[in-house]
Amino acid sequence: MPTPYSAAQEARAALANRLREIRNRAGLSGRELASLAKWHESKVSKIEHAKQPPSVYDIKAWCLHCGAGDSVAEELVAALHAAEGMWTEWQRMEQGGLRQAQEFVTPIYEGCGSSGVRR
């Protein structure tokens, strides 16, 4: 079972991959998209590698310049909000101490033998 942190990371990575796919289908390089959107040229790379989360505005501009429809943009905005919610949950858990997170995964590890395979 994924931890809240890994689930949040996976959600961010999935959103980043989807944005990359949209840009590639549009036949645009990262620099071309950045130029069209009037962004710094490194912003596209940071978003696509999940180093920087996109804003709602970024997603809408991305979809506009790549020719993706409004429904795609709204789907991606929903995915962004879901990922942000996961991050918020992880941050709350971390602020309260990692004991809760450790208690969450302990039964999983205890169910594994020395081979690391769940019994």
PDB file of N, CA and C in Angstrom:
ATOM      1  N   MET A   1       0.851  -1.175   0.000  1.00  0.00           N
ATOM      2  CA  MET A   1       0.000   0.000   0.000  1.00  0.00           C
ATOM      3  C   MET A   1       0.896   1.236   0.000  1.00  0.00           C
ATOM      4  N   PRO A   2       0.644   2.184  -0.912  1.00  0.00           N
ATOM      5  CA  PRO A   2       1.511   3.363  -0.979  1.00  0.00           C
ATOM      6  C   PRO A   2       1.317   4.286   0.215  1.00  0.00           C
ATOM      7  N   THR A   3       2.390   4.936   0.600  1.00  0.00           N
ATOM      8  CA  THR A   3       2.298   5.919   1.676  1.00  0.00           C
ATOM      9  C   THR A   3       1.679   7.182   1.090  1.00  0.00           C
ATOM     10  N   PRO A   4       1.168   8.079   1.935  1.00  0.00           N
ATOM     11  CA  PRO A   4       0.620   9.333   1.417  1.00  0.00           C
ATOM     12  C   PRO A   4       1.642  10.113   0.588  1.00  0.00           C
ATOM     13  N   TYR A   5       2.923  10.067   1.013  1.00  0.00           N
ATOM     14  CA  TYR A   5       3.954  10.786   0.261  1.00  0.00           C
ATOM     15  C   TYR A   5       4.111  10.205  -1.131  1.00  0.00           C
ATOM     16  N   SER A   6       4.236   8.871  -1.226  1.00  0.00           N
ATOM     17  CA  SER A   6       4.450   8.269  -2.543  1.00  0.00           C
ATOM     18  C   SER A   6       3.219   8.426  -3.421  1.00  0.00           C
ATOM     19  N   ALA A   7       2.029   8.390  -2.838  1.00  0.00           N
ATOM     20  CA  ALA A   7       0.812   8.596  -3.618  1.00  0.00           C
ATOM     21  C   ALA A   7       0.782  10.014  -4.187  1.00  0.00           C
ATOM     22  N   ALA A   8       1.195  10.984  -3.386  1.00  0.00           N
ATOM     23  CA  ALA A   8       1.243  12.366  -3.852  1.00  0.00           C
ATOM     24  C   ALA A   8       2.282  12.528  -4.955  1.00  0.00           C
ATOM     25  N   GLN A   9       3.446  11.895  -4.780  1.00  0.00           N
ATOM     26  CA  GLN A   9       4.486  11.945  -5.805  1.00  0.00           C
ATOM     27  C   GLN A   9       3.994  11.321  -7.112  1.00  0.00           C
ATOM     28  N   GLU A  10       3.322  10.175  -7.000  1.00  0.00           N
ATOM     29  CA  GLU A  10       2.801   9.492  -8.190  1.00  0.00           C
ATOM     30  C   GLU A  10       1.761  10.353  -8.897  1.00  0.00           C
ATOM     31  N   ALA A  11       0.916  11.026  -8.147  1.00  0.00           N
ATOM     32  CA  ALA A  11      -0.101  11.895  -8.739  1.00  0.00           C
ATOM     33  C   ALA A  11       0.546  13.063  -9.467  1.00  0.00           C
ATOM     34  N   ARG A  12       1.572  13.647  -8.859  1.00  0.00           N
ATOM     35  CA  ARG A  12       2.288  14.743  -9.516  1.00  0.00           C
ATOM     36  C   ARG A  12       2.989  14.264 -10.781  1.00  0.00           C
ATOM     37  N   ALA A  13       3.605  13.102 -10.708  1.00  0.00           N
ATOM     38  CA  ALA A  13       4.310  12.550 -11.871  1.00  0.00           C
ATOM     39  C   ALA A  13       3.334  12.215 -12.993  1.00  0.00           C
ATOM     40  N   ALA A  14       2.167  11.682 -12.645  1.00  0.00           N
ATOM     41  CA  ALA A  14       1.169  11.351 -13.666  1.00  0.00           C
ATOM     42  C   ALA A  14       0.680  12.612 -14.370  1.00  0.00           C
ATOM     43  N   LEU A  15       0.461  13.676 -13.621  1.00  0.00           N
ATOM     44  CA  LEU A  15       0.047  14.944 -14.216  1.00  0.00           C
ATOM     45  C   LEU A  15       1.153  15.478 -15.121  1.00  0.00           C
ATOM     46  N   ALA A  16       2.385  15.427 -14.660  1.00  0.00           N
ATOM     47  CA  ALA A  16       3.521  15.897 -15.459  1.00  0.00           C
ATOM     48  C   ALA A  16       3.644  15.104 -16.760  1.00  0.00           C
ATOM     49  N   ASN A  17       3.483  13.789 -16.675  1.00  0.00           N
ATOM     50  CA  ASN A  17       3.573  12.950 -17.872  1.00  0.00           C
ATOM     51  C   ASN A  17       2.462  13.270 -18.863  1.00  0.00           C
ATOM     52  N   ARG A  18       1.271  13.516 -18.342  1.00  0.00           N
ATOM     53  CA  ARG A  18       0.137  13.853 -19.217  1.00  0.00           C
ATOM     54  C   ARG A  18       0.386  15.169 -19.937  1.00  0.00           C
ATOM     55  N   LEU A  19       0.926  16.148 -19.226  1.00  0.00           N
ATOM     56  CA  LEU A  19       1.237  17.431 -19.863  1.00  0.00           C
ATOM     57  C   LEU A  19       2.311  17.259 -20.939  1.00  0.00           C
ATOM     58  N   ARG A  20       3.312  16.431 -20.672  1.00  0.00           N
ATOM     59  CA  ARG A  20       4.361  16.167 -21.662  1.00  0.00           C
ATOM     60  C   ARG A  20       3.759  15.524 -22.915  1.00  0.00           C
ATOM     61  N   GLU A  21       2.863  14.551 -22.711  1.00  0.00           N
ATOM     62  CA  GLU A  21       2.211  13.889 -23.845  1.00  0.00           C
ATOM     63  C   GLU A  21       1.438  14.889 -24.700  1.00  0.00           C
ATOM     64  N   ILE A  22       0.726  15.793 -24.062  1.00  0.00           N
ATOM     65  CA  ILE A  22      -0.051  16.804 -24.782  1.00  0.00           C
ATOM     66  C   ILE A  22       0.875  17.691 -25.604  1.00  0.00           C
ATOM     67  N   ARG A  23       1.983  18.123 -25.002  1.00  0.00           N
ATOM     68  CA  ARG A  23       2.938  18.968 -25.725  1.00  0.00           C
ATOM     69  C   ARG A  23       3.548  18.217 -26.905  1.00  0.00           C
ATOM     70  N   ASN A  24       3.928  16.964 -26.670  1.00  0.00           N
ATOM     71  CA  ASN A  24       4.531  16.175 -27.745  1.00  0.00           C
ATOM     72  C   ASN A  24       3.553  15.954 -28.894  1.00  0.00           C
ATOM     73  N   ARG A  25       2.301  15.659 -28.570  1.00  0.00           N
ATOM     74  CA  ARG A  25       1.288  15.470 -29.629  1.00  0.00           C
ATOM     75  C   ARG A  25       1.082  16.744 -30.437  1.00  0.00           C
ATOM     76  N   ALA A  26       1.256  17.886 -29.785  1.00  0.00           N
ATOM     77  CA  ALA A  26       1.108  19.163 -30.479  1.00  0.00           C
ATOM     78  C   ALA A  26       2.330  19.469 -31.353  1.00  0.00           C
ATOM     79  N   GLY A  27       3.394  18.680 -31.203  1.00  0.00           N
ATOM     80  CA  GLY A  27       4.594  18.898 -31.998  1.00  0.00           C
ATOM     81  C   GLY A  27       5.413  20.091 -31.560  1.00  0.00           C
ATOM     82  N   LEU A  28       5.270  20.471 -30.302  1.00  0.00           N
ATOM     83  CA  LEU A  28       6.011  21.620 -29.779  1.00  0.00           C
ATOM     84  C   LEU A  28       7.174  21.162 -28.916  1.00  0.00           C
ATOM     85  N   SER A  29       8.265  21.884 -29.000  1.00  0.00           N
ATOM     86  CA  SER A  29       9.367  21.661 -28.070  1.00  0.00           C
ATOM     87  C   SER A  29       9.026  22.411 -26.784  1.00  0.00           C
ATOM     88  N   GLY A  30       9.763  22.111 -25.737  1.00  0.00           N
ATOM     89  CA  GLY A  30       9.556  22.822 -24.483  1.00  0.00           C
ATOM     90  C   GLY A  30       9.818  24.311 -24.629  1.00  0.00           C
ATOM     91  N   ARG A  31      10.837  24.638 -25.376  1.00  0.00           N
ATOM     92  CA  ARG A  31      11.160  26.063 -25.599  1.00  0.00           C
ATOM     93  C   ARG A  31      10.067  26.765 -26.386  1.00  0.00           C
ATOM     94  N   GLU A  32       9.506  26.070 -27.375  1.00  0.00           N
ATOM     95  CA  GLU A  32       8.431  26.681 -28.165  1.00  0.00           C
ATOM     96  C   GLU A  32       7.200  26.952 -27.303  1.00  0.00           C
ATOM     97  N   LEU A  33       6.845  25.972 -26.471  1.00  0.00           N
ATOM     98  CA  LEU A  33       5.698  26.166 -25.588  1.00  0.00           C
ATOM     99  C   LEU A  33       5.963  27.307 -24.617  1.00  0.00           C
ATOM    100  N   ALA A  34       7.148  27.352 -24.042  1.00  0.00           N
ATOM    101  CA  ALA A  34       7.492  28.425 -23.105  1.00  0.00           C
ATOM    102  C   ALA A  34       7.407  29.790 -23.789  1.00  0.00           C
ATOM    103  N   SER A  35       7.868  29.859 -25.009  1.00  0.00           N
ATOM    104  CA  SER A  35       7.815  31.115 -25.753  1.00  0.00           C
ATOM    105  C   SER A  35       6.369  31.540 -26.013  1.00  0.00           C
ATOM    106  N   LEU A  36       5.537  30.601 -26.437  1.00  0.00           N
ATOM    107  CA  LEU A  36       4.130  30.912 -26.700  1.00  0.00           C
ATOM    108  C   LEU A  36       3.420  31.396 -25.433  1.00  0.00           C
ATOM    109  N   ALA A  37       3.738  30.766 -24.310  1.00  0.00           N
ATOM    110  CA  ALA A  37       3.085  31.106 -23.041  1.00  0.00           C
ATOM    111  C   ALA A  37       3.767  32.265 -22.318  1.00  0.00           C
ATOM    112  N   LYS A  38       4.883  32.717 -22.869  1.00  0.00           N
ATOM    113  CA  LYS A  38       5.666  33.815 -22.265  1.00  0.00           C
ATOM    114  C   LYS A  38       6.188  33.438 -20.879  1.00  0.00           C
ATOM    115  N   TRP A  39       6.702  32.189 -20.795  1.00  0.00           N
ATOM    116  CA  TRP A  39       7.306  31.668 -19.580  1.00  0.00           C
ATOM    117  C   TRP A  39       8.814  31.610 -19.762  1.00  0.00           C
ATOM    118  N   HIS A  40       9.530  31.514 -18.644  1.00  0.00           N
ATOM    119  CA  HIS A  40      10.957  31.235 -18.707  1.00  0.00           C
ATOM    120  C   HIS A  40      11.119  29.861 -19.343  1.00  0.00           C
ATOM    121  N   GLU A  41      12.139  29.687 -20.167  1.00  0.00           N
ATOM    122  CA  GLU A  41      12.269  28.435 -20.919  1.00  0.00           C
ATOM    123  C   GLU A  41      12.451  27.196 -20.049  1.00  0.00           C
ATOM    124  N   SER A  42      12.874  27.345 -18.806  1.00  0.00           N
ATOM    125  CA  SER A  42      13.048  26.176 -17.941  1.00  0.00           C
ATOM    126  C   SER A  42      11.747  25.723 -17.271  1.00  0.00           C
ATOM    127  N   LYS A  43      10.712  26.550 -17.335  1.00  0.00           N
ATOM    128  CA  LYS A  43       9.468  26.227 -16.634  1.00  0.00           C
ATOM    129  C   LYS A  43       8.820  24.954 -17.167  1.00  0.00           C
ATOM    130  N   VAL A  44       8.809  24.769 -18.461  1.00  0.00           N
ATOM    131  CA  VAL A  44       8.198  23.578 -19.052  1.00  0.00           C
ATOM    132  C   VAL A  44       8.906  22.325 -18.552  1.00  0.00           C
ATOM    133  N   SER A  45      10.223  22.347 -18.557  1.00  0.00           N
ATOM    134  CA  SER A  45      10.991  21.198 -18.083  1.00  0.00           C
ATOM    135  C   SER A  45      10.718  20.915 -16.613  1.00  0.00           C
ATOM    136  N   LYS A  46      10.679  21.948 -15.799  1.00  0.00           N
ATOM    137  CA  LYS A  46      10.422  21.761 -14.368  1.00  0.00           C
ATOM    138  C   LYS A  46       9.046  21.147 -14.127  1.00  0.00           C
ATOM    139  N   ILE A  47       8.056  21.583 -14.880  1.00  0.00           N
ATOM    140  CA  ILE A  47       6.710  21.030 -14.732  1.00  0.00           C
ATOM    141  C   ILE A  47       6.680  19.589 -15.217  1.00  0.00           C
ATOM    142  N   GLU A  48       7.291  19.319 -16.368  1.00  0.00           N
ATOM    143  CA  GLU A  48       7.259  17.973 -16.941  1.00  0.00           C
ATOM    144  C   GLU A  48       8.052  16.954 -16.127  1.00  0.00           C
ATOM    145  N   HIS A  49       8.996  17.408 -15.338  1.00  0.00           N
ATOM    146  CA  HIS A  49       9.762  16.498 -14.484  1.00  0.00           C
ATOM    147  C   HIS A  49       9.263  16.522 -13.039  1.00  0.00           C
ATOM    148  N   ALA A  50       8.084  17.111 -12.837  1.00  0.00           N
ATOM    149  CA  ALA A  50       7.426  17.190 -11.525  1.00  0.00           C
ATOM    150  C   ALA A  50       8.304  17.849 -10.462  1.00  0.00           C
ATOM    151  N   LYS A  51       9.145  18.780 -10.896  1.00  0.00           N
ATOM    152  CA  LYS A  51       9.972  19.543  -9.953  1.00  0.00           C
ATOM    153  C   LYS A  51       9.217  20.781  -9.475  1.00  0.00           C
ATOM    154  N   GLN A  52       8.283  21.246 -10.302  1.00  0.00           N
ATOM    155  CA  GLN A  52       7.477  22.424  -9.991  1.00  0.00           C
ATOM    156  C   GLN A  52       6.040  22.101 -10.376  1.00  0.00           C
ATOM    157  N   PRO A  53       5.110  22.207  -9.450  1.00  0.00           N
ATOM    158  CA  PRO A  53       3.724  21.933  -9.838  1.00  0.00           C
ATOM    159  C   PRO A  53       3.181  23.075 -10.697  1.00  0.00           C
ATOM    160  N   PRO A  54       2.353  22.738 -11.673  1.00  0.00           N
ATOM    161  CA  PRO A  54       1.752  23.811 -12.470  1.00  0.00           C
ATOM    162  C   PRO A  54       0.625  24.473 -11.694  1.00  0.00           C
ATOM    163  N   SER A  55       0.327  25.699 -12.038  1.00  0.00           N
ATOM    164  CA  SER A  55      -0.846  26.363 -11.480  1.00  0.00           C
ATOM    165  C   SER A  55      -2.035  26.060 -12.402  1.00  0.00           C
ATOM    166  N   VAL A  56      -3.211  26.438 -11.961  1.00  0.00           N
ATOM    167  CA  VAL A  56      -4.395  26.282 -12.813  1.00  0.00           C
ATOM    168  C   VAL A  56      -4.192  27.078 -14.095  1.00  0.00           C
ATOM    169  N   TYR A  57      -3.678  28.301 -13.965  1.00  0.00           N
ATOM    170  CA  TYR A  57      -3.401  29.130 -15.139  1.00  0.00           C
ATOM    171  C   TYR A  57      -2.410  28.436 -16.075  1.00  0.00           C
ATOM    172  N   ASP A  58      -1.357  27.842 -15.522  1.00  0.00           N
ATOM    173  CA  ASP A  58      -0.360  27.145 -16.341  1.00  0.00           C
ATOM    174  C   ASP A  58      -1.003  26.030 -17.155  1.00  0.00           C
ATOM    175  N   ILE A  59      -1.865  25.249 -16.510  1.00  0.00           N
ATOM    176  CA  ILE A  59      -2.514  24.129 -17.204  1.00  0.00           C
ATOM    177  C   ILE A  59      -3.396  24.647 -18.336  1.00  0.00           C
ATOM    178  N   LYS A  60      -4.160  25.703 -18.066  1.00  0.00           N
ATOM    179  CA  LYS A  60      -5.050  26.243 -19.093  1.00  0.00           C
ATOM    180  C   LYS A  60      -4.255  26.825 -20.258  1.00  0.00           C
ATOM    181  N   ALA A  61      -3.161  27.515 -19.960  1.00  0.00           N
ATOM    182  CA  ALA A  61      -2.314  28.060 -21.021  1.00  0.00           C
ATOM    183  C   ALA A  61      -1.666  26.930 -21.811  1.00  0.00           C
ATOM    184  N   TRP A  62      -1.204  25.907 -21.121  1.00  0.00           N
ATOM    185  CA  TRP A  62      -0.569  24.744 -21.757  1.00  0.00           C
ATOM    186  C   TRP A  62      -1.526  24.122 -22.768  1.00  0.00           C
ATOM    187  N   CYS A  63      -2.752  23.866 -22.314  1.00  0.00           N
ATOM    188  CA  CYS A  63      -3.752  23.238 -23.179  1.00  0.00           C
ATOM    189  C   CYS A  63      -4.131  24.142 -24.345  1.00  0.00           C
ATOM    190  N   LEU A  64      -4.242  25.424 -24.101  1.00  0.00           N
ATOM    191  CA  LEU A  64      -4.563  26.382 -25.157  1.00  0.00           C
ATOM    192  C   LEU A  64      -3.499  26.353 -26.253  1.00  0.00           C
ATOM    193  N   HIS A  65      -2.236  26.472 -25.861  1.00  0.00           N
ATOM    194  CA  HIS A  65      -1.143  26.545 -26.837  1.00  0.00           C
ATOM    195  C   HIS A  65      -0.857  25.209 -27.513  1.00  0.00           C
ATOM    196  N   CYS A  66      -1.280  24.117 -26.880  1.00  0.00           N
ATOM    197  CA  CYS A  66      -1.071  22.792 -27.468  1.00  0.00           C
ATOM    198  C   CYS A  66      -2.300  22.296 -28.222  1.00  0.00           C
ATOM    199  N   GLY A  67      -3.353  23.096 -28.251  1.00  0.00           N
ATOM    200  CA  GLY A  67      -4.547  22.725 -28.987  1.00  0.00           C
ATOM    201  C   GLY A  67      -5.402  21.665 -28.315  1.00  0.00           C
ATOM    202  N   ALA A  68      -5.201  21.468 -27.028  1.00  0.00           N
ATOM    203  CA  ALA A  68      -6.049  20.529 -26.284  1.00  0.00           C
ATOM    204  C   ALA A  68      -7.338  21.264 -25.911  1.00  0.00           C
ATOM    205  N   GLY A  69      -8.419  20.564 -25.817  1.00  0.00           N
ATOM    206  CA  GLY A  69      -9.704  21.186 -25.532  1.00  0.00           C
ATOM    207  C   GLY A  69      -9.873  21.607 -24.095  1.00  0.00           C
ATOM    208  N   ASP A  70     -10.943  22.360 -23.860  1.00  0.00           N
ATOM    209  CA  ASP A  70     -11.269  22.811 -22.506  1.00  0.00           C
ATOM    210  C   ASP A  70     -11.552  21.640 -21.579  1.00  0.00           C
ATOM    211  N   SER A  71     -12.148  20.565 -22.117  1.00  0.00           N
ATOM    212  CA  SER A  71     -12.452  19.416 -21.261  1.00  0.00           C
ATOM    213  C   SER A  71     -11.169  18.759 -20.766  1.00  0.00           C
ATOM    214  N   VAL A  72     -10.137  18.739 -21.604  1.00  0.00           N
ATOM    215  CA  VAL A  72      -8.836  18.195 -21.183  1.00  0.00           C
ATOM    216  C   VAL A  72      -8.250  19.084 -20.096  1.00  0.00           C
ATOM    217  N   ALA A  73      -8.334  20.386 -20.289  1.00  0.00           N
ATOM    218  CA  ALA A  73      -7.802  21.321 -19.291  1.00  0.00           C
ATOM    219  C   ALA A  73      -8.513  21.133 -17.957  1.00  0.00           C
ATOM    220  N   GLU A  74      -9.831  20.988 -17.989  1.00  0.00           N
ATOM    221  CA  GLU A  74     -10.584  20.807 -16.743  1.00  0.00           C
ATOM    222  C   GLU A  74     -10.231  19.481 -16.066  1.00  0.00           C
ATOM    223  N   GLU A  75     -10.008  18.441 -16.853  1.00  0.00           N
ATOM    224  CA  GLU A  75      -9.586  17.139 -16.312  1.00  0.00           C
ATOM    225  C   GLU A  75      -8.228  17.270 -15.613  1.00  0.00           C
ATOM    226  N   LEU A  76      -7.323  17.997 -16.240  1.00  0.00           N
ATOM    227  CA  LEU A  76      -5.987  18.180 -15.668  1.00  0.00           C
ATOM    228  C   LEU A  76      -6.032  19.070 -14.426  1.00  0.00           C
ATOM    229  N   VAL A  77      -6.899  20.065 -14.424  1.00  0.00           N
ATOM    230  CA  VAL A  77      -7.055  20.916 -13.239  1.00  0.00           C
ATOM    231  C   VAL A  77      -7.578  20.072 -12.079  1.00  0.00           C
ATOM    232  N   ALA A  78      -8.512  19.173 -12.365  1.00  0.00           N
ATOM    233  CA  ALA A  78      -9.024  18.280 -11.311  1.00  0.00           C
ATOM    234  C   ALA A  78      -7.906  17.385 -10.784  1.00  0.00           C
ATOM    235  N   ALA A  79      -7.055  16.887 -11.685  1.00  0.00           N
ATOM    236  CA  ALA A  79      -5.921  16.056 -11.262  1.00  0.00           C
ATOM    237  C   ALA A  79      -4.949  16.870 -10.417  1.00  0.00           C
ATOM    238  N   LEU A  80      -4.748  18.129 -10.779  1.00  0.00           N
ATOM    239  CA  LEU A  80      -3.881  19.017  -9.988  1.00  0.00           C
ATOM    240  C   LEU A  80      -4.439  19.188  -8.578  1.00  0.00           C
ATOM    241  N   HIS A  81      -5.738  19.440  -8.469  1.00  0.00           N
ATOM    242  CA  HIS A  81      -6.346  19.625  -7.150  1.00  0.00           C
ATOM    243  C   HIS A  81      -6.249  18.350  -6.316  1.00  0.00           C
ATOM    244  N   ALA A  82      -6.408  17.202  -6.945  1.00  0.00           N
ATOM    245  CA  ALA A  82      -6.276  15.929  -6.228  1.00  0.00           C
ATOM    246  C   ALA A  82      -4.855  15.758  -5.704  1.00  0.00           C
ATOM    247  N   ALA A  83      -3.868  16.049  -6.551  1.00  0.00           N
ATOM    248  CA  ALA A  83      -2.464  15.928  -6.139  1.00  0.00           C
ATOM    249  C   ALA A  83      -2.145  16.905  -5.013  1.00  0.00           C
ATOM    250  N   GLU A  84      -2.661  18.130  -5.122  1.00  0.00           N
ATOM    251  CA  GLU A  84      -2.440  19.117  -4.064  1.00  0.00           C
ATOM    252  C   GLU A  84      -3.049  18.655  -2.749  1.00  0.00           C
ATOM    253  N   GLY A  85      -4.214  18.023  -2.819  1.00  0.00           N
ATOM    254  CA  GLY A  85      -4.853  17.495  -1.616  1.00  0.00           C
ATOM    255  C   GLY A  85      -4.003  16.419  -0.958  1.00  0.00           C
ATOM    256  N   MET A  86      -3.390  15.570  -1.770  1.00  0.00           N
ATOM    257  CA  MET A  86      -2.510  14.529  -1.242  1.00  0.00           C
ATOM    258  C   MET A  86      -1.294  15.150  -0.567  1.00  0.00           C
ATOM    259  N   TRP A  87      -0.722  16.189  -1.190  1.00  0.00           N
ATOM    260  CA  TRP A  87       0.434  16.865  -0.593  1.00  0.00           C
ATOM    261  C   TRP A  87       0.053  17.501   0.734  1.00  0.00           C
ATOM    262  N   THR A  88      -1.122  18.122   0.760  1.00  0.00           N
ATOM    263  CA  THR A  88      -1.582  18.760   1.987  1.00  0.00           C
ATOM    264  C   THR A  88      -1.721  17.733   3.105  1.00  0.00           C
ATOM    265  N   GLU A  89      -2.292  16.578   2.761  1.00  0.00           N
ATOM    266  CA  GLU A  89      -2.444  15.510   3.752  1.00  0.00           C
ATOM    267  C   GLU A  89      -1.083  15.046   4.261  1.00  0.00           C
ATOM    268  N   TRP A  90      -0.125  14.882   3.356  1.00  0.00           N
ATOM    269  CA  TRP A  90       1.225  14.462   3.753  1.00  0.00           C
ATOM    270  C   TRP A  90       1.858  15.506   4.662  1.00  0.00           C
ATOM    271  N   GLN A  91       1.716  16.782   4.309  1.00  0.00           N
ATOM    272  CA  GLN A  91       2.308  17.838   5.126  1.00  0.00           C
ATOM    273  C   GLN A  91       1.690  17.870   6.519  1.00  0.00           C
ATOM    274  N   ARG A  92       0.379  17.679   6.611  1.00  0.00           N
ATOM    275  CA  ARG A  92      -0.275  17.637   7.927  1.00  0.00           C
ATOM    276  C   ARG A  92       0.271  16.489   8.759  1.00  0.00           C
ATOM    277  N   MET A  93       0.428  15.336   8.109  1.00  0.00           N
ATOM    278  CA  MET A  93       0.930  14.163   8.814  1.00  0.00           C
ATOM    279  C   MET A  93       2.370  14.414   9.272  1.00  0.00           C
ATOM    280  N   GLU A  94       3.158  15.030   8.413  1.00  0.00           N
ATOM    281  CA  GLU A  94       4.557  15.297   8.742  1.00  0.00           C
ATOM    282  C   GLU A  94       4.670  16.328   9.867  1.00  0.00           C
ATOM    283  N   GLN A  95       3.814  17.342   9.850  1.00  0.00           N
ATOM    284  CA  GLN A  95       3.844  18.356  10.902  1.00  0.00           C
ATOM    285  C   GLN A  95       3.460  17.771  12.252  1.00  0.00           C
ATOM    286  N   GLY A  96       2.585  16.789  12.233  1.00  0.00           N
ATOM    287  CA  GLY A  96       2.172  16.150  13.473  1.00  0.00           C
ATOM    288  C   GLY A  96       3.177  15.120  13.942  1.00  0.00           C
ATOM    289  N   GLY A  97       4.254  14.975  13.233  1.00  0.00           N
ATOM    290  CA  GLY A  97       5.253  13.964  13.544  1.00  0.00           C
ATOM    291  C   GLY A  97       5.041  12.756  12.656  1.00  0.00           C
ATOM    292  N   LEU A  98       6.083  12.054  12.381  1.00  0.00           N
ATOM    293  CA  LEU A  98       5.985  10.920  11.475  1.00  0.00           C
ATOM    294  C   LEU A  98       5.545   9.636  12.165  1.00  0.00           C
ATOM    295  N   ARG A  99       5.233   9.738  13.438  1.00  0.00           N
ATOM    296  CA  ARG A  99       4.791   8.541  14.154  1.00  0.00           C
ATOM    297  C   ARG A  99       3.557   7.933  13.485  1.00  0.00           C
ATOM    298  N   GLN A 100       2.612   8.771  13.126  1.00  0.00           N
ATOM    299  CA  GLN A 100       1.388   8.291  12.480  1.00  0.00           C
ATOM    300  C   GLN A 100       1.716   7.585  11.164  1.00  0.00           C
ATOM    301  N   ALA A 101       2.628   8.139  10.394  1.00  0.00           N
ATOM    302  CA  ALA A 101       3.017   7.513   9.132  1.00  0.00           C
ATOM    303  C   ALA A 101       3.705   6.178   9.389  1.00  0.00           C
ATOM    304  N   GLN A 102       4.559   6.131  10.403  1.00  0.00           N
ATOM    305  CA  GLN A 102       5.246   4.884  10.730  1.00  0.00           C
ATOM    306  C   GLN A 102       4.263   3.828  11.212  1.00  0.00           C
ATOM    307  N   GLU A 103       3.286   4.249  12.000  1.00  0.00           N
ATOM    308  CA  GLU A 103       2.273   3.306  12.463  1.00  0.00           C
ATOM    309  C   GLU A 103       1.445   2.777  11.294  1.00  0.00           C
ATOM    310  N   PHE A 104       1.294   3.579  10.264  1.00  0.00           N
ATOM    311  CA  PHE A 104       0.548   3.190   9.075  1.00  0.00           C
ATOM    312  C   PHE A 104       1.254   2.066   8.321  1.00  0.00           C
ATOM    313  N   VAL A 105       2.588   2.142   8.192  1.00  0.00           N
ATOM    314  CA  VAL A 105       3.313   1.154   7.391  1.00  0.00           C
ATOM    315  C   VAL A 105       3.845  -0.022   8.201  1.00  0.00           C
ATOM    316  N   THR A 106       3.889   0.083   9.526  1.00  0.00           N
ATOM    317  CA  THR A 106       4.429  -1.006  10.352  1.00  0.00           C
ATOM    318  C   THR A 106       3.740  -2.338  10.087  1.00  0.00           C
ATOM    319  N   PRO A 107       2.401  -2.408  10.056  1.00  0.00           N
ATOM    320  CA  PRO A 107       1.767  -3.700   9.794  1.00  0.00           C
ATOM    321  C   PRO A 107       2.149  -4.294   8.436  1.00  0.00           C
ATOM    322  N   ILE A 108       2.406  -3.451   7.490  1.00  0.00           N
ATOM    323  CA  ILE A 108       2.810  -3.934   6.160  1.00  0.00           C
ATOM    324  C   ILE A 108       4.172  -4.607   6.258  1.00  0.00           C
ATOM    325  N   TYR A 109       5.118  -3.940   6.926  1.00  0.00           N
ATOM    326  CA  TYR A 109       6.461  -4.513   7.064  1.00  0.00           C
ATOM    327  C   TYR A 109       6.469  -5.754   7.940  1.00  0.00           C
ATOM    328  N   GLU A 110       5.633  -5.759   8.971  1.00  0.00           N
ATOM    329  CA  GLU A 110       5.575  -6.931   9.842  1.00  0.00           C
ATOM    330  C   GLU A 110       5.007  -8.141   9.122  1.00  0.00           C
ATOM    331  N   GLY A 111       4.191  -7.902   8.091  1.00  0.00           N
ATOM    332  CA  GLY A 111       3.614  -8.990   7.320  1.00  0.00           C
ATOM    333  C   GLY A 111       4.566  -9.566   6.291  1.00  0.00           C
ATOM    334  N   CYS A 112       5.752  -8.981   6.158  1.00  0.00           N
ATOM    335  CA  CYS A 112       6.748  -9.437   5.190  1.00  0.00           C
ATOM    336  C   CYS A 112       7.805 -10.291   5.907  1.00  0.00           C
ATOM    337  N   GLY A 113       8.255 -11.314   5.253  1.00  0.00           N
ATOM    338  CA  GLY A 113       9.352 -12.118   5.792  1.00  0.00           C
ATOM    339  C   GLY A 113      10.670 -11.480   5.430  1.00  0.00           C
ATOM    340  N   SER A 114      11.758 -12.184   5.644  1.00  0.00           N
ATOM    341  CA  SER A 114      13.079 -11.661   5.314  1.00  0.00           C
ATOM    342  C   SER A 114      13.251 -11.459   3.819  1.00  0.00           C
ATOM    343  N   SER A 115      12.423 -12.120   3.001  1.00  0.00           N
ATOM    344  CA  SER A 115      12.516 -11.973   1.548  1.00  0.00           C
ATOM    345  C   SER A 115      11.886 -10.693   1.063  1.00  0.00           C
ATOM    346  N   GLY A 116      11.126 -10.035   1.951  1.00  0.00           N
ATOM    347  CA  GLY A 116      10.462  -8.794   1.566  1.00  0.00           C
ATOM    348  C   GLY A 116       9.127  -9.047   0.893  1.00  0.00           C
ATOM    349  N   VAL A 117       8.723 -10.303   0.815  1.00  0.00           N
ATOM    350  CA  VAL A 117       7.462 -10.658   0.187  1.00  0.00           C
ATOM    351  C   VAL A 117       6.418 -10.842   1.277  1.00  0.00           C
ATOM    352  N   ARG A 118       5.267 -10.288   1.052  1.00  0.00           N
ATOM    353  CA  ARG A 118       4.187 -10.370   2.030  1.00  0.00           C
ATOM    354  C   ARG A 118       3.729 -11.827   2.190  1.00  0.00           C
ATOM    355  N   ARG A 119       3.578 -12.240   3.449  1.00  0.00           N
ATOM    356  CA  ARG A 119       3.142 -13.624   3.731  1.00  0.00           C
ATOM    357  C   ARG A 119       1.653 -13.767   3.596  1.00  0.00           C
TER     358      ARG A 119
END
